[in-house]
PDB file of N, CA and C in Angstrom:
ATOM      1  N   MET A   1      17.033   1.700 -12.423  1.00  0.00           N
ATOM      2  CA  MET A   1      16.019   1.022 -11.639  1.00  0.00           C
ATOM      3  C   MET A   1      15.725   1.783 -10.154  1.00  0.00           C
ATOM      4  N   PHE A   2      14.677   1.178  -9.860  1.00  0.00           N
ATOM      5  CA  PHE A   2      14.012   2.002  -8.923  1.00  0.00           C
ATOM      6  C   PHE A   2      14.531   0.775  -7.623  1.00  0.00           C
ATOM      7  N   SER A   3      14.138   1.531  -6.388  1.00  0.00           N
ATOM      8  CA  SER A   3      14.854   0.667  -4.964  1.00  0.00           C
ATOM      9  C   SER A   3      13.869   0.691  -3.961  1.00  0.00           C
ATOM     10  N   ARG A   4      12.904   1.278  -4.509  1.00  0.00           N
ATOM     11  CA  ARG A   4      11.061   0.989  -3.319  1.00  0.00           C
ATOM     12  C   ARG A   4      10.227   1.132  -4.403  1.00  0.00           C
ATOM     13  N   VAL A   5       9.105  -0.087  -3.713  1.00  0.00           N
ATOM     14  CA  VAL A   5       7.828   0.171  -4.364  1.00  0.00           C
ATOM     15  C   VAL A   5       6.765   0.278  -3.454  1.00  0.00           C
ATOM     16  N   ALA A   6       5.885   1.473  -3.258  1.00  0.00           N
ATOM     17  CA  ALA A   6       4.755   1.528  -2.512  1.00  0.00           C
ATOM     18  C   ALA A   6       3.665   0.937  -2.463  1.00  0.00           C
ATOM     19  N   ILE A   7       3.074   0.597  -1.605  1.00  0.00           N
ATOM     20  CA  ILE A   7       1.809  -0.468  -1.817  1.00  0.00           C
ATOM     21  C   ILE A   7       0.897  -0.051  -1.266  1.00  0.00           C
ATOM     22  N   VAL A   8      -0.276   0.333  -1.546  1.00  0.00           N
ATOM     23  CA  VAL A   8      -1.620   1.325  -1.246  1.00  0.00           C
ATOM     24  C   VAL A   8      -2.863   0.643  -1.351  1.00  0.00           C
ATOM     25  N   ASN A   9      -2.573  -1.044  -1.889  1.00  0.00           N
ATOM     26  CA  ASN A   9      -3.403  -1.733  -1.598  1.00  0.00           C
ATOM     27  C   ASN A   9      -3.620  -2.312  -0.983  1.00  0.00           C
ATOM     28  N   ARG A  10      -4.556  -3.642  -0.708  1.00  0.00           N
ATOM     29  CA  ARG A  10      -4.536  -4.782   0.386  1.00  0.00           C
ATOM     30  C   ARG A  10      -4.936  -6.063  -0.112  1.00  0.00           C
ATOM     31  N   GLY A  11      -4.707  -6.926   0.790  1.00  0.00           N
ATOM     32  CA  GLY A  11      -5.148  -8.494   0.244  1.00  0.00           C
ATOM     33  C   GLY A  11      -4.416  -8.997  -0.557  1.00  0.00           C
ATOM     34  N   GLU A  12      -5.086 -10.043  -1.756  1.00  0.00           N
ATOM     35  CA  GLU A  12      -4.430 -10.396  -2.652  1.00  0.00           C
ATOM     36  C   GLU A  12      -3.375  -9.909  -3.546  1.00  0.00           C
ATOM     37  N   ALA A  13      -3.871  -8.721  -3.792  1.00  0.00           N
ATOM     38  CA  ALA A  13      -3.289  -7.946  -4.642  1.00  0.00           C
ATOM     39  C   ALA A  13      -1.747  -7.413  -4.198  1.00  0.00           C
ATOM     40  N   ALA A  14      -2.001  -7.214  -2.860  1.00  0.00           N
ATOM     41  CA  ALA A  14      -0.704  -6.002  -2.575  1.00  0.00           C
ATOM     42  C   ALA A  14       0.007  -7.721  -2.270  1.00  0.00           C
ATOM     43  N   MET A  15      -0.431  -8.885  -1.839  1.00  0.00           N
ATOM     44  CA  MET A  15       0.322  -9.633  -1.504  1.00  0.00           C
ATOM     45  C   MET A  15       1.202 -10.341  -2.972  1.00  0.00           C
ATOM     46  N   ARG A  16       0.373 -10.281  -3.955  1.00  0.00           N
ATOM     47  CA  ARG A  16       0.948 -10.635  -5.055  1.00  0.00           C
ATOM     48  C   ARG A  16       2.279  -9.721  -5.565  1.00  0.00           C
ATOM     49  N   LEU A  17       1.632  -8.590  -5.433  1.00  0.00           N
ATOM     50  CA  LEU A  17       2.675  -7.619  -5.687  1.00  0.00           C
ATOM     51  C   LEU A  17       4.186  -7.663  -4.751  1.00  0.00           C
ATOM     52  N   ILE A  18       3.755  -8.021  -3.560  1.00  0.00           N
ATOM     53  CA  ILE A  18       5.227  -7.892  -2.502  1.00  0.00           C
ATOM     54  C   ILE A  18       6.134  -9.148  -3.616  1.00  0.00           C
ATOM     55  N   HIS A  19       5.399 -10.036  -3.725  1.00  0.00           N
ATOM     56  CA  HIS A  19       6.111 -11.480  -3.999  1.00  0.00           C
ATOM     57  C   HIS A  19       6.961 -11.079  -5.523  1.00  0.00           C
ATOM     58  N   ALA A  20       5.928 -10.349  -6.530  1.00  0.00           N
ATOM     59  CA  ALA A  20       6.648 -10.090  -7.863  1.00  0.00           C
ATOM     60  C   ALA A  20       7.559  -9.247  -7.510  1.00  0.00           C
ATOM     61  N   VAL A  21       7.592  -7.862  -6.699  1.00  0.00           N
ATOM     62  CA  VAL A  21       9.239  -7.029  -6.544  1.00  0.00           C
ATOM     63  C   VAL A  21      10.023  -8.292  -5.710  1.00  0.00           C
ATOM     64  N   ARG A  22      10.110  -9.263  -4.689  1.00  0.00           N
ATOM     65  CA  ARG A  22      10.997  -9.734  -4.296  1.00  0.00           C
ATOM     66  C   ARG A  22      11.382 -11.101  -5.373  1.00  0.00           C
ATOM     67  N   ASP A  23      10.545 -11.525  -6.565  1.00  0.00           N
ATOM     68  CA  ASP A  23      11.123 -12.018  -7.382  1.00  0.00           C
ATOM     69  C   ASP A  23      11.861 -11.215  -8.595  1.00  0.00           C
ATOM     70  N   LEU A  24      11.633 -10.008  -8.520  1.00  0.00           N
ATOM     71  CA  LEU A  24      12.398  -9.395  -9.602  1.00  0.00           C
ATOM     72  C   LEU A  24      13.648  -8.715  -9.101  1.00  0.00           C
ATOM     73  N   SER A  25      13.628  -8.259  -7.425  1.00  0.00           N
ATOM     74  CA  SER A  25      15.014  -7.805  -6.819  1.00  0.00           C
ATOM     75  C   SER A  25      15.713  -9.202  -7.057  1.00  0.00           C
ATOM     76  N   GLU A  26      15.116 -10.624  -6.894  1.00  0.00           N
ATOM     77  CA  GLU A  26      16.466 -12.020  -6.861  1.00  0.00           C
ATOM     78  C   GLU A  26      16.682 -11.660  -8.015  1.00  0.00           C
ATOM     79  N   GLU A  27      16.029 -11.885  -9.210  1.00  0.00           N
ATOM     80  CA  GLU A  27      16.759 -11.917 -10.926  1.00  0.00           C
ATOM     81  C   GLU A  27      17.336 -10.931 -11.136  1.00  0.00           C
ATOM     82  N   ALA A  28      17.343  -9.471 -10.393  1.00  0.00           N
ATOM     83  CA  ALA A  28      17.910  -8.561 -11.118  1.00  0.00           C
ATOM     84  C   ALA A  28      19.502  -8.284 -10.523  1.00  0.00           C
ATOM     85  N   GLY A  29      18.877  -8.943  -9.070  1.00  0.00           N
ATOM     86  CA  GLY A  29      20.155  -8.355  -8.344  1.00  0.00           C
ATOM     87  C   GLY A  29      20.365  -7.144  -7.566  1.00  0.00           C
ATOM     88  N   THR A  30      19.611  -6.647  -7.848  1.00  0.00           N
ATOM     89  CA  THR A  30      19.339  -5.258  -7.380  1.00  0.00           C
ATOM     90  C   THR A  30      18.050  -5.249  -6.015  1.00  0.00           C
ATOM     91  N   PRO A  31      18.515  -4.838  -4.769  1.00  0.00           N
ATOM     92  CA  PRO A  31      17.456  -4.704  -4.068  1.00  0.00           C
ATOM     93  C   PRO A  31      16.402  -3.489  -3.917  1.00  0.00           C
ATOM     94  N   VAL A  32      15.073  -3.978  -3.691  1.00  0.00           N
ATOM     95  CA  VAL A  32      13.942  -3.413  -4.059  1.00  0.00           C
ATOM     96  C   VAL A  32      13.171  -3.541  -3.053  1.00  0.00           C
ATOM     97  N   GLU A  33      13.120  -2.704  -2.102  1.00  0.00           N
ATOM     98  CA  GLU A  33      12.476  -2.866  -0.968  1.00  0.00           C
ATOM     99  C   GLU A  33      10.586  -2.390  -0.959  1.00  0.00           C
ATOM    100  N   THR A  34       9.775  -3.246  -0.721  1.00  0.00           N
ATOM    101  CA  THR A  34       7.911  -2.981  -0.472  1.00  0.00           C
ATOM    102  C   THR A  34       8.046  -1.945   0.741  1.00  0.00           C
ATOM    103  N   VAL A  35       7.028  -1.235   0.449  1.00  0.00           N
ATOM    104  CA  VAL A  35       6.654  -0.218   1.219  1.00  0.00           C
ATOM    105  C   VAL A  35       5.150  -0.256   1.519  1.00  0.00           C
ATOM    106  N   ALA A  36       4.740  -0.676   2.637  1.00  0.00           N
ATOM    107  CA  ALA A  36       3.046  -0.872   2.991  1.00  0.00           C
ATOM    108  C   ALA A  36       2.775   0.390   3.386  1.00  0.00           C
ATOM    109  N   LEU A  37       1.898   1.348   2.558  1.00  0.00           N
ATOM    110  CA  LEU A  37       0.918   2.648   3.149  1.00  0.00           C
ATOM    111  C   LEU A  37      -0.414   2.026   3.858  1.00  0.00           C
ATOM    112  N   TYR A  38      -0.899   1.761   5.081  1.00  0.00           N
ATOM    113  CA  TYR A  38      -1.836   1.624   5.612  1.00  0.00           C
ATOM    114  C   TYR A  38      -2.478   2.315   6.697  1.00  0.00           C
ATOM    115  N   THR A  39      -3.846   2.261   6.550  1.00  0.00           N
ATOM    116  CA  THR A  39      -4.800   2.964   7.672  1.00  0.00           C
ATOM    117  C   THR A  39      -4.563   1.989   8.859  1.00  0.00           C
ATOM    118  N   ASP A  40      -5.237   2.802   9.781  1.00  0.00           N
ATOM    119  CA  ASP A  40      -5.726   2.085  11.515  1.00  0.00           C
ATOM    120  C   ASP A  40      -5.984   0.610  11.534  1.00  0.00           C
ATOM    121  N   ALA A  41      -7.062   0.943  10.200  1.00  0.00           N
ATOM    122  CA  ALA A  41      -7.985  -0.576  10.536  1.00  0.00           C
ATOM    123  C   ALA A  41      -7.183  -1.742   9.902  1.00  0.00           C
ATOM    124  N   ASP A  42      -6.106  -1.540   8.986  1.00  0.00           N
ATOM    125  CA  ASP A  42      -4.828  -2.265   8.186  1.00  0.00           C
ATOM    126  C   ASP A  42      -3.894  -2.685   9.048  1.00  0.00           C
ATOM    127  N   ARG A  43      -3.762  -2.228  10.447  1.00  0.00           N
ATOM    128  CA  ARG A  43      -2.337  -2.385  10.911  1.00  0.00           C
ATOM    129  C   ARG A  43      -1.741  -3.944  10.967  1.00  0.00           C
ATOM    130  N   THR A  44      -2.760  -4.702  11.180  1.00  0.00           N
ATOM    131  CA  THR A  44      -2.440  -5.798  11.544  1.00  0.00           C
ATOM    132  C   THR A  44      -2.383  -6.904   9.959  1.00  0.00           C
ATOM    133  N   ALA A  45      -2.489  -6.401   8.821  1.00  0.00           N
ATOM    134  CA  ALA A  45      -2.889  -7.165   7.893  1.00  0.00           C
ATOM    135  C   ALA A  45      -1.628  -7.658   7.238  1.00  0.00           C
ATOM    136  N   THR A  46      -1.886  -8.956   6.414  1.00  0.00           N
ATOM    137  CA  THR A  46      -0.607  -9.300   5.966  1.00  0.00           C
ATOM    138  C   THR A  46       0.244  -8.912   5.213  1.00  0.00           C
ATOM    139  N   PHE A  47      -0.523  -8.186   4.181  1.00  0.00           N
ATOM    140  CA  PHE A  47       0.560  -6.843   3.626  1.00  0.00           C
ATOM    141  C   PHE A  47       1.118  -5.990   4.478  1.00  0.00           C
ATOM    142  N   VAL A  48       0.879  -5.834   5.424  1.00  0.00           N
ATOM    143  CA  VAL A  48       1.724  -4.572   6.303  1.00  0.00           C
ATOM    144  C   VAL A  48       2.779  -5.267   6.687  1.00  0.00           C
ATOM    145  N   ARG A  49       2.541  -7.048   7.724  1.00  0.00           N
ATOM    146  CA  ARG A  49       3.377  -7.420   8.174  1.00  0.00           C
ATOM    147  C   ARG A  49       4.733  -7.786   7.265  1.00  0.00           C
ATOM    148  N   GLU A  50       4.331  -8.356   5.529  1.00  0.00           N
ATOM    149  CA  GLU A  50       5.039  -9.332   5.141  1.00  0.00           C
ATOM    150  C   GLU A  50       5.877  -8.129   4.182  1.00  0.00           C
ATOM    151  N   ALA A  51       5.624  -6.958   4.269  1.00  0.00           N
ATOM    152  CA  ALA A  51       6.350  -5.653   3.853  1.00  0.00           C
ATOM    153  C   ALA A  51       7.483  -5.061   4.223  1.00  0.00           C
ATOM    154  N   ASP A  52       8.567  -4.775   3.519  1.00  0.00           N
ATOM    155  CA  ASP A  52       9.864  -4.668   3.767  1.00  0.00           C
ATOM    156  C   ASP A  52      10.054  -3.346   5.218  1.00  0.00           C
ATOM    157  N   LEU A  53       9.137  -2.285   4.826  1.00  0.00           N
ATOM    158  CA  LEU A  53       8.548  -0.932   5.592  1.00  0.00           C
ATOM    159  C   LEU A  53       7.299  -0.921   5.683  1.00  0.00           C
ATOM    160  N   ALA A  54       6.875  -0.059   6.577  1.00  0.00           N
ATOM    161  CA  ALA A  54       5.361   0.093   6.616  1.00  0.00           C
ATOM    162  C   ALA A  54       5.401   1.572   7.195  1.00  0.00           C
ATOM    163  N   TYR A  55       4.231   2.182   6.731  1.00  0.00           N
ATOM    164  CA  TYR A  55       4.190   3.474   7.383  1.00  0.00           C
ATOM    165  C   TYR A  55       2.754   4.112   7.520  1.00  0.00           C
ATOM    166  N   PRO A  56       2.287   4.299   8.676  1.00  0.00           N
ATOM    167  CA  PRO A  56       0.921   4.203   9.008  1.00  0.00           C
ATOM    168  C   PRO A  56       0.300   5.689   8.657  1.00  0.00           C
ATOM    169  N   LEU A  57      -0.960   5.695   7.823  1.00  0.00           N
ATOM    170  CA  LEU A  57      -1.628   7.224   6.834  1.00  0.00           C
ATOM    171  C   LEU A  57      -2.624   7.515   8.267  1.00  0.00           C
ATOM    172  N   GLY A  58      -3.177   6.602   9.164  1.00  0.00           N
ATOM    173  CA  GLY A  58      -3.908   7.365  10.134  1.00  0.00           C
ATOM    174  C   GLY A  58      -5.286   6.715  10.219  1.00  0.00           C
ATOM    175  N   ARG A  59      -6.379   7.285  10.670  1.00  0.00           N
ATOM    176  CA  ARG A  59      -7.641   6.824  10.661  1.00  0.00           C
ATOM    177  C   ARG A  59      -8.025   6.784   9.159  1.00  0.00           C
ATOM    178  N   PRO A  60      -9.051   6.162   8.636  1.00  0.00           N
ATOM    179  CA  PRO A  60      -9.442   6.435   6.899  1.00  0.00           C
ATOM    180  C   PRO A  60     -10.605   7.554   7.091  1.00  0.00           C
ATOM    181  N   ARG A  61     -10.449   8.171   5.976  1.00  0.00           N
ATOM    182  CA  ARG A  61     -11.532   9.473   6.095  1.00  0.00           C
ATOM    183  C   ARG A  61     -12.717   8.826   5.323  1.00  0.00           C
ATOM    184  N   PRO A  62     -14.104   9.400   5.771  1.00  0.00           N
ATOM    185  CA  PRO A  62     -15.066   9.187   5.452  1.00  0.00           C
ATOM    186  C   PRO A  62     -15.322   9.239   3.857  1.00  0.00           C
ATOM    187  N   ALA A  63     -15.975   8.395   3.456  1.00  0.00           N
ATOM    188  CA  ALA A  63     -16.357   8.349   2.134  1.00  0.00           C
ATOM    189  C   ALA A  63     -17.068  10.088   1.593  1.00  0.00           C
ATOM    190  N   PRO A  64     -16.788  10.433   0.719  1.00  0.00           N
ATOM    191  CA  PRO A  64     -17.872  11.596  -0.011  1.00  0.00           C
ATOM    192  C   PRO A  64     -18.944  11.378  -0.276  1.00  0.00           C
ATOM    193  N   THR A  65     -20.054  12.239   0.227  1.00  0.00           N
ATOM    194  CA  THR A  65     -21.442  11.998   0.319  1.00  0.00           C
ATOM    195  C   THR A  65     -22.320  13.049  -0.919  1.00  0.00           C
ATOM    196  N   SER A  66     -23.403  12.650  -1.596  1.00  0.00           N
ATOM    197  CA  SER A  66     -23.385  13.791  -2.643  1.00  0.00           C
ATOM    198  C   SER A  66     -24.010  15.077  -1.904  1.00  0.00           C
ATOM    199  N   THR A  67     -23.936  15.161  -0.512  1.00  0.00           N
ATOM    200  CA  THR A  67     -24.635  16.252   0.347  1.00  0.00           C
ATOM    201  C   THR A  67     -23.348  16.924   0.534  1.00  0.00           C
ATOM    202  N   SER A  68     -21.799  16.459   0.470  1.00  0.00           N
ATOM    203  CA  SER A  68     -20.764  16.967   0.791  1.00  0.00           C
ATOM    204  C   SER A  68     -20.374  18.335  -0.055  1.00  0.00           C
ATOM    205  N   PRO A  69     -19.851  19.333   0.369  1.00  0.00           N
ATOM    206  CA  PRO A  69     -19.894  20.688  -0.200  1.00  0.00           C
ATOM    207  C   PRO A  69     -18.431  20.566  -1.724  1.00  0.00           C
ATOM    208  N   CYS A  70     -17.833  19.572  -1.559  1.00  0.00           N
ATOM    209  CA  CYS A  70     -17.164  19.078  -2.597  1.00  0.00           C
ATOM    210  C   CYS A  70     -17.757  18.609  -3.965  1.00  0.00           C
ATOM    211  N   TRP A  71     -18.906  17.976  -3.363  1.00  0.00           N
ATOM    212  CA  TRP A  71     -19.778  17.368  -4.657  1.00  0.00           C
ATOM    213  C   TRP A  71     -20.562  18.406  -5.412  1.00  0.00           C
ATOM    214  N   SER A  72     -21.025  19.348  -4.501  1.00  0.00           N
ATOM    215  CA  SER A  72     -22.180  20.366  -4.621  1.00  0.00           C
ATOM    216  C   SER A  72     -21.964  21.411  -5.388  1.00  0.00           C
ATOM    217  N   ARG A  73     -20.487  21.176  -5.749  1.00  0.00           N
ATOM    218  CA  ARG A  73     -20.072  22.492  -6.465  1.00  0.00           C
ATOM    219  C   ARG A  73     -20.051  22.457  -7.699  1.00  0.00           C
ATOM    220  N   HIS A  74     -20.636  21.109  -8.626  1.00  0.00           N
ATOM    221  CA  HIS A  74     -20.668  20.974 -10.058  1.00  0.00           C
ATOM    222  C   HIS A  74     -21.877  20.953 -10.485  1.00  0.00           C
TER     223      HIS A  74
END
């Protein structure tokens, strides 16, 4: 079995995953940690506080636009 689960979502979906992992860990009798990966904007979010471990990813990158070089190559 695995020992850690990375959570890269936020909000209700993240909290459901955290609770599900805790339930699974209890049932299996094997510790499974939840790890929240978060941006600066989410540093105080509930899923970050509730996870067993939390790692900051820094500032969010801007969404690509149709004029950005990566989109114009196609």
